[in-house]
């Protein structure tokens, strides 16, 4: 089985990016992260990419006439790097049909809730404020609907504490493991 070529899209800190890169470099994923795409030129994830020797494409969406314009540039980079799978990891932009058509069935996203509950950017806070007793993480294929698409894997855990920072740390730790396991599952099942 050939090594799969991965691109990770991120907008912030990049802890999931680093977890995937380390898993690839350590042999836990039969793959290689060949490109980071980041829509925030000052994001910390770009420092992580540099530390690991991963090529990065950082762009400011406001420098483009449209989402389609910068996504066409991204698709050209993905094609150039022969990317098999795009992993969204805290990428805070909705994808348009340019990306979704070009990489249909090959874009996955990690979300810090048990979808379909608590979609959107503030999922952890919303679940915490609602007072749920079971939290979790979902990995799904990406489609046009926000946090829609076929669910690939989910993992849940109980939490009845009142420390939001502790909860957030627990969710991020779970994200790292679940993303690695899910990428491996997709590779093993030849879904990418």
N, C-alpha and C. Protein backbone atom coordinates (compact mmCIF):
# COMPACT_ATOMS: atom_id res chain seq x y z
N UNK A 1 0.85 -1.18 0.00
CA UNK A 1 0.00 0.00 0.00
C UNK A 1 0.89 1.24 0.00
N UNK A 2 0.64 2.15 -0.92
CA UNK A 2 1.46 3.35 -1.05
C UNK A 2 1.18 4.31 0.10
N UNK A 3 2.17 5.09 0.44
CA UNK A 3 2.01 6.13 1.45
C UNK A 3 1.10 7.21 0.90
N UNK A 4 0.12 7.62 1.70
CA UNK A 4 -0.83 8.65 1.27
C UNK A 4 -0.26 10.03 1.55
N UNK A 5 -0.62 10.96 0.68
CA UNK A 5 -0.13 12.33 0.78
C UNK A 5 -1.26 13.20 1.33
N UNK A 6 -0.98 13.86 2.45
CA UNK A 6 -2.00 14.62 3.16
C UNK A 6 -1.70 16.11 3.12
N UNK A 7 -2.76 16.91 3.05
CA UNK A 7 -2.67 18.35 3.26
C UNK A 7 -3.54 18.66 4.46
N UNK A 8 -3.07 19.54 5.33
CA UNK A 8 -3.83 19.96 6.49
C UNK A 8 -4.14 21.44 6.34
N UNK A 9 -5.40 21.81 6.58
CA UNK A 9 -5.83 23.20 6.55
C UNK A 9 -6.08 23.62 7.99
N UNK A 10 -5.50 24.74 8.43
CA UNK A 10 -5.68 25.22 9.79
C UNK A 10 -5.67 26.73 9.80
N UNK A 11 -6.27 27.31 10.85
CA UNK A 11 -6.35 28.77 10.97
C UNK A 11 -5.72 29.30 12.25
N UNK A 12 -5.33 28.42 13.18
CA UNK A 12 -4.92 28.93 14.48
C UNK A 12 -3.67 28.29 15.04
N UNK A 13 -3.82 27.72 16.21
CA UNK A 13 -2.71 27.17 16.99
C UNK A 13 -2.05 25.97 16.32
N UNK A 14 -2.85 25.07 15.80
CA UNK A 14 -2.31 23.95 15.04
C UNK A 14 -1.96 22.71 15.83
N UNK A 15 -2.61 22.48 16.97
CA UNK A 15 -2.29 21.28 17.74
C UNK A 15 -2.71 20.00 17.00
N UNK A 16 -3.83 20.05 16.28
CA UNK A 16 -4.22 18.87 15.49
C UNK A 16 -3.28 18.67 14.31
N UNK A 17 -2.85 19.77 13.69
CA UNK A 17 -1.86 19.68 12.62
C UNK A 17 -0.61 18.96 13.15
N UNK A 18 -0.11 19.41 14.29
CA UNK A 18 1.10 18.80 14.85
C UNK A 18 0.88 17.33 15.19
N UNK A 19 -0.28 16.99 15.74
CA UNK A 19 -0.56 15.59 16.07
C UNK A 19 -0.52 14.70 14.83
N UNK A 20 -1.08 15.19 13.72
CA UNK A 20 -1.09 14.41 12.48
C UNK A 20 0.32 14.30 11.91
N UNK A 21 1.06 15.40 11.91
CA UNK A 21 2.43 15.37 11.40
C UNK A 21 3.28 14.39 12.21
N UNK A 22 3.19 14.47 13.52
CA UNK A 22 3.99 13.58 14.38
C UNK A 22 3.62 12.11 14.17
N UNK A 23 2.32 11.86 13.98
CA UNK A 23 1.87 10.49 13.74
C UNK A 23 2.42 9.96 12.41
N UNK A 24 2.45 10.81 11.40
CA UNK A 24 3.01 10.42 10.10
C UNK A 24 4.51 10.18 10.23
N UNK A 25 5.21 11.13 10.82
CA UNK A 25 6.66 11.01 10.94
C UNK A 25 7.07 9.87 11.86
N UNK A 26 6.21 9.51 12.81
CA UNK A 26 6.50 8.42 13.74
C UNK A 26 6.01 7.07 13.26
N UNK A 27 5.41 7.01 12.07
CA UNK A 27 4.95 5.74 11.53
C UNK A 27 3.59 5.28 12.01
N UNK A 28 2.87 6.12 12.76
CA UNK A 28 1.52 5.74 13.22
C UNK A 28 0.48 5.91 12.13
N UNK A 29 0.77 6.76 11.15
CA UNK A 29 -0.10 6.92 9.97
C UNK A 29 0.77 6.59 8.77
N UNK A 30 0.21 5.77 7.88
CA UNK A 30 0.93 5.46 6.64
C UNK A 30 0.69 6.59 5.65
N UNK A 31 1.28 7.72 5.99
CA UNK A 31 1.08 8.91 5.19
C UNK A 31 2.13 9.95 5.50
N UNK A 32 2.05 11.03 4.74
CA UNK A 32 3.00 12.14 4.89
C UNK A 32 2.23 13.44 4.70
N UNK A 33 2.41 14.36 5.62
CA UNK A 33 1.82 15.69 5.45
C UNK A 33 2.75 16.45 4.52
N UNK A 34 2.25 16.80 3.33
CA UNK A 34 3.08 17.46 2.32
C UNK A 34 2.79 18.95 2.20
N UNK A 35 1.69 19.43 2.84
CA UNK A 35 1.33 20.83 2.70
C UNK A 35 0.42 21.27 3.84
N UNK A 36 0.70 22.47 4.37
CA UNK A 36 -0.21 23.15 5.28
C UNK A 36 -0.80 24.32 4.52
N UNK A 37 -2.12 24.49 4.63
CA UNK A 37 -2.80 25.66 4.06
C UNK A 37 -3.38 26.44 5.23
N UNK A 38 -3.06 27.73 5.28
CA UNK A 38 -3.48 28.57 6.40
C UNK A 38 -3.99 29.91 5.89
N UNK A 39 -5.16 30.31 6.37
CA UNK A 39 -5.78 31.56 5.92
C UNK A 39 -5.46 32.73 6.84
N UNK A 40 -4.54 32.55 7.77
CA UNK A 40 -4.14 33.62 8.68
C UNK A 40 -2.62 33.68 8.73
N UNK A 41 -2.01 34.61 7.99
CA UNK A 41 -0.55 34.65 7.87
C UNK A 41 0.22 34.79 9.19
N UNK A 42 -0.44 35.15 10.29
CA UNK A 42 0.24 35.27 11.58
C UNK A 42 -0.06 34.09 12.51
N UNK A 43 -0.77 33.07 12.04
CA UNK A 43 -1.18 31.96 12.91
C UNK A 43 0.02 31.15 13.40
N UNK A 44 -0.10 30.67 14.63
CA UNK A 44 0.98 29.89 15.24
C UNK A 44 1.26 28.59 14.48
N UNK A 45 0.25 28.04 13.84
CA UNK A 45 0.43 26.79 13.10
C UNK A 45 1.54 26.91 12.06
N UNK A 46 1.78 28.10 11.54
CA UNK A 46 2.85 28.28 10.55
C UNK A 46 4.22 28.05 11.17
N UNK A 47 4.38 28.42 12.44
CA UNK A 47 5.64 28.13 13.14
C UNK A 47 5.81 26.62 13.31
N UNK A 48 4.73 25.94 13.62
CA UNK A 48 4.79 24.48 13.76
C UNK A 48 5.21 23.84 12.43
N UNK A 49 4.64 24.31 11.34
CA UNK A 49 4.98 23.76 10.02
C UNK A 49 6.47 23.95 9.74
N UNK A 50 6.98 25.11 10.04
CA UNK A 50 8.40 25.39 9.82
C UNK A 50 9.27 24.45 10.65
N UNK A 51 8.90 24.24 11.91
CA UNK A 51 9.65 23.35 12.80
C UNK A 51 9.73 21.93 12.24
N UNK A 52 8.67 21.48 11.59
CA UNK A 52 8.62 20.12 11.06
C UNK A 52 9.03 20.02 9.60
N UNK A 53 9.41 21.14 9.01
CA UNK A 53 9.85 21.12 7.62
C UNK A 53 8.73 20.88 6.63
N UNK A 54 7.52 21.31 6.97
CA UNK A 54 6.35 21.12 6.10
C UNK A 54 6.13 22.40 5.31
N UNK A 55 6.00 22.30 4.00
CA UNK A 55 5.71 23.46 3.17
C UNK A 55 4.36 24.05 3.58
N UNK A 56 4.30 25.37 3.63
CA UNK A 56 3.07 26.05 4.01
C UNK A 56 2.67 27.08 2.96
N UNK A 57 1.37 27.16 2.74
CA UNK A 57 0.80 28.21 1.92
C UNK A 57 -0.08 29.04 2.83
N UNK A 58 0.37 30.26 3.15
CA UNK A 58 -0.40 31.18 3.99
C UNK A 58 -0.92 32.29 3.10
N UNK A 59 -2.18 32.62 3.27
CA UNK A 59 -2.78 33.65 2.42
C UNK A 59 -3.76 34.47 3.24
N UNK A 60 -4.02 35.66 2.76
CA UNK A 60 -5.02 36.52 3.34
C UNK A 60 -6.19 36.57 2.37
N UNK A 61 -7.35 36.03 2.76
CA UNK A 61 -8.49 35.99 1.84
C UNK A 61 -8.87 37.36 1.27
N UNK A 62 -8.59 38.43 2.02
CA UNK A 62 -8.95 39.78 1.55
C UNK A 62 -8.11 40.22 0.36
N UNK A 63 -7.01 39.50 0.12
CA UNK A 63 -6.15 39.84 -1.03
C UNK A 63 -6.70 39.28 -2.35
N UNK A 64 -7.80 38.57 -2.29
CA UNK A 64 -8.38 37.93 -3.47
C UNK A 64 -9.75 38.53 -3.76
N UNK A 65 -10.11 38.52 -5.02
CA UNK A 65 -11.41 39.07 -5.44
C UNK A 65 -12.58 38.22 -4.95
N UNK A 66 -12.32 36.90 -4.76
CA UNK A 66 -13.40 36.01 -4.36
C UNK A 66 -12.84 34.76 -3.70
N UNK A 67 -13.70 34.04 -3.02
CA UNK A 67 -13.32 32.75 -2.44
C UNK A 67 -12.91 31.79 -3.54
N UNK A 68 -13.61 31.80 -4.64
CA UNK A 68 -13.27 30.93 -5.76
C UNK A 68 -11.87 31.17 -6.27
N UNK A 69 -11.44 32.43 -6.26
CA UNK A 69 -10.10 32.76 -6.75
C UNK A 69 -9.01 32.12 -5.88
N UNK A 70 -9.11 32.30 -4.56
CA UNK A 70 -8.06 31.69 -3.73
C UNK A 70 -8.19 30.18 -3.65
N UNK A 71 -9.41 29.67 -3.75
CA UNK A 71 -9.56 28.21 -3.74
C UNK A 71 -9.00 27.58 -5.01
N UNK A 72 -9.10 28.25 -6.15
CA UNK A 72 -8.48 27.72 -7.37
C UNK A 72 -6.97 27.63 -7.20
N UNK A 73 -6.39 28.63 -6.54
CA UNK A 73 -4.95 28.60 -6.27
C UNK A 73 -4.60 27.44 -5.32
N UNK A 74 -5.43 27.23 -4.32
CA UNK A 74 -5.21 26.12 -3.39
C UNK A 74 -5.32 24.78 -4.11
N UNK A 75 -6.35 24.61 -4.93
CA UNK A 75 -6.53 23.35 -5.67
C UNK A 75 -5.31 23.08 -6.55
N UNK A 76 -4.79 24.12 -7.19
CA UNK A 76 -3.60 23.94 -8.03
C UNK A 76 -2.42 23.45 -7.18
N UNK A 77 -2.27 23.98 -5.97
CA UNK A 77 -1.20 23.53 -5.06
C UNK A 77 -1.43 22.08 -4.62
N UNK A 78 -2.66 21.75 -4.30
CA UNK A 78 -2.98 20.37 -3.89
C UNK A 78 -2.67 19.40 -5.02
N UNK A 79 -3.05 19.78 -6.23
CA UNK A 79 -2.77 18.94 -7.40
C UNK A 79 -1.26 18.80 -7.62
N UNK A 80 -0.53 19.90 -7.49
CA UNK A 80 0.92 19.89 -7.66
C UNK A 80 1.58 18.93 -6.67
N UNK A 81 1.05 18.90 -5.44
CA UNK A 81 1.60 18.03 -4.39
C UNK A 81 0.99 16.62 -4.41
N UNK A 82 0.09 16.37 -5.38
CA UNK A 82 -0.55 15.06 -5.52
C UNK A 82 -1.19 14.60 -4.20
N UNK A 83 -1.99 15.50 -3.62
CA UNK A 83 -2.62 15.25 -2.33
C UNK A 83 -3.75 14.23 -2.48
N UNK A 84 -3.74 13.23 -1.58
CA UNK A 84 -4.78 12.21 -1.55
C UNK A 84 -5.93 12.58 -0.62
N UNK A 85 -5.60 13.29 0.48
CA UNK A 85 -6.61 13.60 1.50
C UNK A 85 -6.34 14.98 2.07
N UNK A 86 -7.43 15.78 2.18
CA UNK A 86 -7.37 17.08 2.82
C UNK A 86 -8.00 16.94 4.20
N UNK A 87 -7.25 17.34 5.23
CA UNK A 87 -7.71 17.26 6.61
C UNK A 87 -7.90 18.67 7.16
N UNK A 88 -9.14 19.05 7.40
CA UNK A 88 -9.39 20.35 8.02
C UNK A 88 -9.18 20.20 9.51
N UNK A 89 -8.39 21.09 10.08
CA UNK A 89 -8.05 21.00 11.50
C UNK A 89 -8.10 22.41 12.10
N UNK A 90 -9.31 22.86 12.38
CA UNK A 90 -9.46 24.21 12.88
C UNK A 90 -9.35 25.24 11.78
N UNK A 91 -9.74 24.87 10.58
CA UNK A 91 -9.77 25.80 9.45
C UNK A 91 -11.12 26.51 9.51
N UNK A 92 -11.10 27.80 9.76
CA UNK A 92 -12.32 28.52 10.08
C UNK A 92 -12.98 29.19 8.87
N UNK A 93 -12.92 28.52 7.72
CA UNK A 93 -13.57 29.02 6.52
C UNK A 93 -14.43 27.92 5.92
N UNK A 94 -15.57 28.32 5.42
CA UNK A 94 -16.41 27.37 4.69
C UNK A 94 -15.80 27.19 3.30
N UNK A 95 -15.84 25.97 2.81
CA UNK A 95 -15.32 25.68 1.47
C UNK A 95 -16.41 25.88 0.44
N UNK A 96 -16.01 26.34 -0.74
CA UNK A 96 -16.96 26.53 -1.84
C UNK A 96 -16.94 25.31 -2.75
N UNK A 97 -17.76 25.38 -3.77
CA UNK A 97 -17.84 24.27 -4.72
C UNK A 97 -16.51 24.06 -5.45
N UNK A 98 -15.66 25.09 -5.52
CA UNK A 98 -14.36 24.93 -6.17
C UNK A 98 -13.58 23.82 -5.48
N UNK A 99 -13.45 23.91 -4.17
CA UNK A 99 -12.73 22.88 -3.41
C UNK A 99 -13.53 21.59 -3.33
N UNK A 100 -14.81 21.72 -3.03
CA UNK A 100 -15.64 20.53 -2.79
C UNK A 100 -15.77 19.66 -4.03
N UNK A 101 -15.82 20.26 -5.20
CA UNK A 101 -15.91 19.49 -6.44
C UNK A 101 -14.56 18.87 -6.79
N UNK A 102 -13.50 19.65 -6.64
CA UNK A 102 -12.17 19.17 -7.00
C UNK A 102 -11.69 18.02 -6.12
N UNK A 103 -12.08 18.04 -4.85
CA UNK A 103 -11.61 17.01 -3.91
C UNK A 103 -12.78 16.28 -3.24
N UNK A 104 -13.84 16.10 -4.00
CA UNK A 104 -15.04 15.43 -3.48
C UNK A 104 -14.69 14.07 -2.89
N UNK A 105 -15.17 13.82 -1.68
CA UNK A 105 -14.92 12.54 -1.02
C UNK A 105 -13.51 12.41 -0.46
N UNK A 106 -12.74 13.50 -0.54
CA UNK A 106 -11.36 13.44 -0.05
C UNK A 106 -11.05 14.60 0.90
N UNK A 107 -12.09 15.20 1.49
CA UNK A 107 -11.92 16.27 2.47
C UNK A 107 -12.63 15.85 3.74
N UNK A 108 -11.89 15.84 4.85
CA UNK A 108 -12.50 15.50 6.14
C UNK A 108 -12.29 16.66 7.11
N UNK A 109 -13.15 16.71 8.12
CA UNK A 109 -13.10 17.76 9.13
C UNK A 109 -13.24 17.14 10.51
N UNK A 110 -12.57 17.75 11.47
CA UNK A 110 -12.73 17.35 12.87
C UNK A 110 -13.53 18.44 13.56
N UNK A 111 -14.50 18.02 14.37
CA UNK A 111 -15.40 18.97 15.04
C UNK A 111 -15.54 18.58 16.51
N UNK A 112 -15.43 19.57 17.43
CA UNK A 112 -15.42 19.26 18.86
C UNK A 112 -16.80 19.12 19.50
N UNK A 113 -17.69 18.38 18.84
CA UNK A 113 -18.97 18.02 19.45
C UNK A 113 -19.45 16.74 18.79
N UNK A 114 -20.50 16.19 19.35
CA UNK A 114 -21.12 15.00 18.77
C UNK A 114 -22.18 15.48 17.78
N UNK A 115 -21.75 15.67 16.55
CA UNK A 115 -22.69 16.12 15.52
C UNK A 115 -23.82 15.11 15.39
N UNK A 116 -25.02 15.55 15.08
CA UNK A 116 -25.37 16.88 14.57
C UNK A 116 -25.58 17.96 15.63
N UNK A 117 -25.32 17.69 16.90
CA UNK A 117 -25.48 18.71 17.93
C UNK A 117 -24.32 19.71 17.90
N UNK A 118 -24.62 20.95 18.19
CA UNK A 118 -23.63 22.02 18.38
C UNK A 118 -22.70 22.20 17.18
N UNK A 119 -23.30 22.55 16.07
CA UNK A 119 -22.53 22.86 14.86
C UNK A 119 -21.92 24.25 15.00
N UNK A 120 -20.91 24.54 14.18
CA UNK A 120 -20.36 25.88 14.13
C UNK A 120 -19.12 26.07 14.97
N UNK A 121 -18.68 27.33 15.03
CA UNK A 121 -17.37 27.67 15.59
C UNK A 121 -17.30 27.61 17.11
N UNK A 122 -18.41 27.72 17.82
CA UNK A 122 -18.38 27.76 19.28
C UNK A 122 -18.96 26.51 19.91
N UNK A 123 -18.70 25.37 19.32
CA UNK A 123 -19.35 24.12 19.74
C UNK A 123 -19.09 23.77 21.20
N UNK A 124 -17.84 23.86 21.64
CA UNK A 124 -17.52 23.48 23.02
C UNK A 124 -18.24 24.40 24.00
N UNK A 125 -18.16 25.71 23.76
CA UNK A 125 -18.83 26.66 24.65
C UNK A 125 -20.33 26.44 24.68
N UNK A 126 -20.92 26.20 23.49
CA UNK A 126 -22.37 26.00 23.44
C UNK A 126 -22.79 24.77 24.23
N UNK A 127 -22.04 23.67 24.07
CA UNK A 127 -22.38 22.45 24.81
C UNK A 127 -22.20 22.66 26.31
N UNK A 128 -21.14 23.36 26.70
CA UNK A 128 -20.86 23.63 28.11
C UNK A 128 -21.96 24.51 28.71
N UNK A 129 -22.34 25.56 27.98
CA UNK A 129 -23.39 26.46 28.46
C UNK A 129 -24.73 25.75 28.56
N UNK A 130 -24.97 24.82 27.66
CA UNK A 130 -26.22 24.06 27.66
C UNK A 130 -26.27 23.08 28.82
N UNK A 131 -25.09 22.70 29.32
CA UNK A 131 -25.02 21.79 30.46
C UNK A 131 -25.07 20.31 30.09
N UNK A 132 -24.60 19.96 28.91
CA UNK A 132 -24.63 18.54 28.53
C UNK A 132 -23.73 17.73 29.47
N UNK A 133 -23.99 16.47 29.57
CA UNK A 133 -23.21 15.57 30.44
C UNK A 133 -22.31 14.64 29.64
N UNK A 134 -22.53 14.56 28.34
CA UNK A 134 -21.71 13.74 27.45
C UNK A 134 -21.17 14.66 26.34
N UNK A 135 -19.86 14.72 26.26
CA UNK A 135 -19.18 15.52 25.23
C UNK A 135 -18.51 14.58 24.25
N UNK A 136 -17.97 15.13 23.17
CA UNK A 136 -17.28 14.27 22.24
C UNK A 136 -16.74 15.00 21.04
N UNK A 137 -16.26 14.19 20.12
CA UNK A 137 -15.61 14.68 18.90
C UNK A 137 -16.16 13.90 17.72
N UNK A 138 -16.33 14.58 16.59
CA UNK A 138 -16.82 13.96 15.36
C UNK A 138 -15.84 14.24 14.23
N UNK A 139 -15.62 13.24 13.40
CA UNK A 139 -14.88 13.44 12.15
C UNK A 139 -15.83 13.06 11.02
N UNK A 140 -15.94 13.96 10.04
CA UNK A 140 -16.91 13.75 8.97
C UNK A 140 -16.34 14.21 7.64
N UNK A 141 -16.91 13.67 6.57
CA UNK A 141 -16.60 14.18 5.24
C UNK A 141 -17.24 15.56 5.11
N UNK A 142 -16.61 16.43 4.32
CA UNK A 142 -17.08 17.81 4.20
C UNK A 142 -17.97 17.95 2.98
N UNK A 143 -19.07 18.64 3.18
CA UNK A 143 -19.97 19.02 2.09
C UNK A 143 -20.34 20.49 2.31
N UNK A 144 -21.24 21.01 1.50
CA UNK A 144 -21.54 22.45 1.58
C UNK A 144 -22.19 22.86 2.89
N UNK A 145 -23.02 22.02 3.49
CA UNK A 145 -23.67 22.38 4.74
C UNK A 145 -22.64 22.49 5.86
N UNK A 146 -22.79 23.48 6.72
CA UNK A 146 -21.87 23.68 7.84
C UNK A 146 -21.89 22.45 8.74
N UNK A 147 -20.72 21.87 8.95
CA UNK A 147 -20.57 20.67 9.77
C UNK A 147 -21.54 19.57 9.38
N UNK A 148 -21.79 19.49 8.07
CA UNK A 148 -22.62 18.42 7.51
C UNK A 148 -21.71 17.39 6.88
N UNK A 149 -22.29 16.45 6.21
CA UNK A 149 -21.51 15.41 5.55
C UNK A 149 -21.51 14.13 6.36
N UNK A 150 -21.21 13.06 5.67
CA UNK A 150 -21.22 11.72 6.29
C UNK A 150 -20.28 11.67 7.48
N UNK A 151 -20.79 11.18 8.61
CA UNK A 151 -19.97 11.01 9.81
C UNK A 151 -19.12 9.75 9.62
N UNK A 152 -17.82 9.90 9.81
CA UNK A 152 -16.89 8.77 9.69
C UNK A 152 -16.66 8.14 11.05
N UNK A 153 -16.45 8.98 12.06
CA UNK A 153 -16.23 8.44 13.40
C UNK A 153 -16.60 9.48 14.45
N UNK A 154 -16.98 8.96 15.62
CA UNK A 154 -17.29 9.81 16.77
C UNK A 154 -16.79 9.10 18.02
N UNK A 155 -16.44 9.89 19.01
CA UNK A 155 -16.09 9.33 20.30
C UNK A 155 -16.61 10.26 21.37
N UNK A 156 -17.21 9.68 22.39
CA UNK A 156 -17.84 10.46 23.46
C UNK A 156 -17.20 10.14 24.80
N UNK A 157 -17.40 11.07 25.73
CA UNK A 157 -16.96 10.83 27.11
C UNK A 157 -17.84 11.65 28.05
N UNK A 158 -18.05 11.15 29.28
CA UNK A 158 -18.86 11.90 30.23
C UNK A 158 -18.02 12.98 30.91
N UNK A 159 -18.65 14.11 31.18
CA UNK A 159 -17.99 15.17 31.94
C UNK A 159 -19.08 15.98 32.64
N UNK A 160 -19.02 16.02 33.95
CA UNK A 160 -20.01 16.78 34.71
C UNK A 160 -19.34 17.86 35.54
N UNK A 161 -18.08 18.16 35.23
CA UNK A 161 -17.36 19.19 35.97
C UNK A 161 -17.77 20.58 35.55
N UNK A 162 -17.13 21.57 36.18
CA UNK A 162 -17.47 22.97 35.90
C UNK A 162 -16.26 23.77 35.42
N UNK A 163 -15.17 23.08 35.09
CA UNK A 163 -13.94 23.74 34.66
C UNK A 163 -13.86 23.68 33.14
N UNK A 164 -14.19 24.81 32.48
CA UNK A 164 -14.21 24.84 31.02
C UNK A 164 -12.84 24.54 30.43
N UNK A 165 -11.78 25.08 31.02
CA UNK A 165 -10.42 24.85 30.49
C UNK A 165 -10.06 23.36 30.54
N UNK A 166 -10.44 22.70 31.62
CA UNK A 166 -10.19 21.26 31.74
C UNK A 166 -10.95 20.50 30.64
N UNK A 167 -12.21 20.86 30.45
CA UNK A 167 -13.03 20.22 29.41
C UNK A 167 -12.40 20.42 28.04
N UNK A 168 -11.97 21.64 27.75
CA UNK A 168 -11.36 21.92 26.46
C UNK A 168 -10.09 21.08 26.25
N UNK A 169 -9.26 20.94 27.29
CA UNK A 169 -8.06 20.10 27.19
C UNK A 169 -8.43 18.65 26.91
N UNK A 170 -9.48 18.16 27.57
CA UNK A 170 -9.92 16.78 27.35
C UNK A 170 -10.38 16.57 25.92
N UNK A 171 -11.12 17.53 25.39
CA UNK A 171 -11.62 17.42 24.02
C UNK A 171 -10.45 17.44 23.03
N UNK A 172 -9.50 18.33 23.23
CA UNK A 172 -8.36 18.41 22.31
C UNK A 172 -7.51 17.14 22.35
N UNK A 173 -7.32 16.56 23.52
CA UNK A 173 -6.57 15.30 23.62
C UNK A 173 -7.29 14.19 22.85
N UNK A 174 -8.61 14.15 22.97
CA UNK A 174 -9.40 13.16 22.25
C UNK A 174 -9.33 13.41 20.75
N UNK A 175 -9.38 14.67 20.34
CA UNK A 175 -9.30 15.01 18.91
C UNK A 175 -8.04 14.42 18.29
N UNK A 176 -6.91 14.62 18.94
CA UNK A 176 -5.63 14.17 18.39
C UNK A 176 -5.65 12.67 18.10
N UNK A 177 -6.09 11.88 19.06
CA UNK A 177 -6.12 10.42 18.87
C UNK A 177 -7.15 10.00 17.84
N UNK A 178 -8.34 10.59 17.91
CA UNK A 178 -9.41 10.19 16.99
C UNK A 178 -9.05 10.54 15.55
N UNK A 179 -8.39 11.69 15.33
CA UNK A 179 -8.03 12.07 13.97
C UNK A 179 -7.02 11.06 13.39
N UNK A 180 -6.03 10.71 14.18
CA UNK A 180 -5.02 9.73 13.74
C UNK A 180 -5.70 8.39 13.42
N UNK A 181 -6.53 7.92 14.32
CA UNK A 181 -7.22 6.63 14.11
C UNK A 181 -8.14 6.66 12.89
N UNK A 182 -8.80 7.79 12.68
CA UNK A 182 -9.74 7.89 11.55
C UNK A 182 -8.99 7.95 10.22
N UNK A 183 -7.91 8.70 10.17
CA UNK A 183 -7.10 8.73 8.94
C UNK A 183 -6.61 7.33 8.62
N UNK A 184 -6.14 6.61 9.62
CA UNK A 184 -5.69 5.23 9.42
C UNK A 184 -6.83 4.35 8.92
N UNK A 185 -8.01 4.55 9.46
CA UNK A 185 -9.19 3.76 9.04
C UNK A 185 -9.49 4.01 7.56
N UNK A 186 -9.46 5.28 7.15
CA UNK A 186 -9.73 5.60 5.74
C UNK A 186 -8.68 4.99 4.82
N UNK A 187 -7.43 5.01 5.24
CA UNK A 187 -6.36 4.42 4.45
C UNK A 187 -6.54 2.90 4.37
N UNK A 188 -6.80 2.27 5.51
CA UNK A 188 -6.96 0.81 5.55
C UNK A 188 -8.14 0.33 4.71
N UNK A 189 -9.21 1.12 4.70
CA UNK A 189 -10.41 0.75 3.92
C UNK A 189 -10.34 1.22 2.47
N UNK A 190 -9.20 1.78 2.09
CA UNK A 190 -8.99 2.29 0.72
C UNK A 190 -10.07 3.28 0.31
N UNK A 191 -10.48 4.14 1.26
CA UNK A 191 -11.49 5.15 0.96
C UNK A 191 -10.87 6.43 0.43
N UNK A 192 -9.54 6.49 0.46
CA UNK A 192 -8.84 7.65 -0.10
C UNK A 192 -7.73 7.16 -1.00
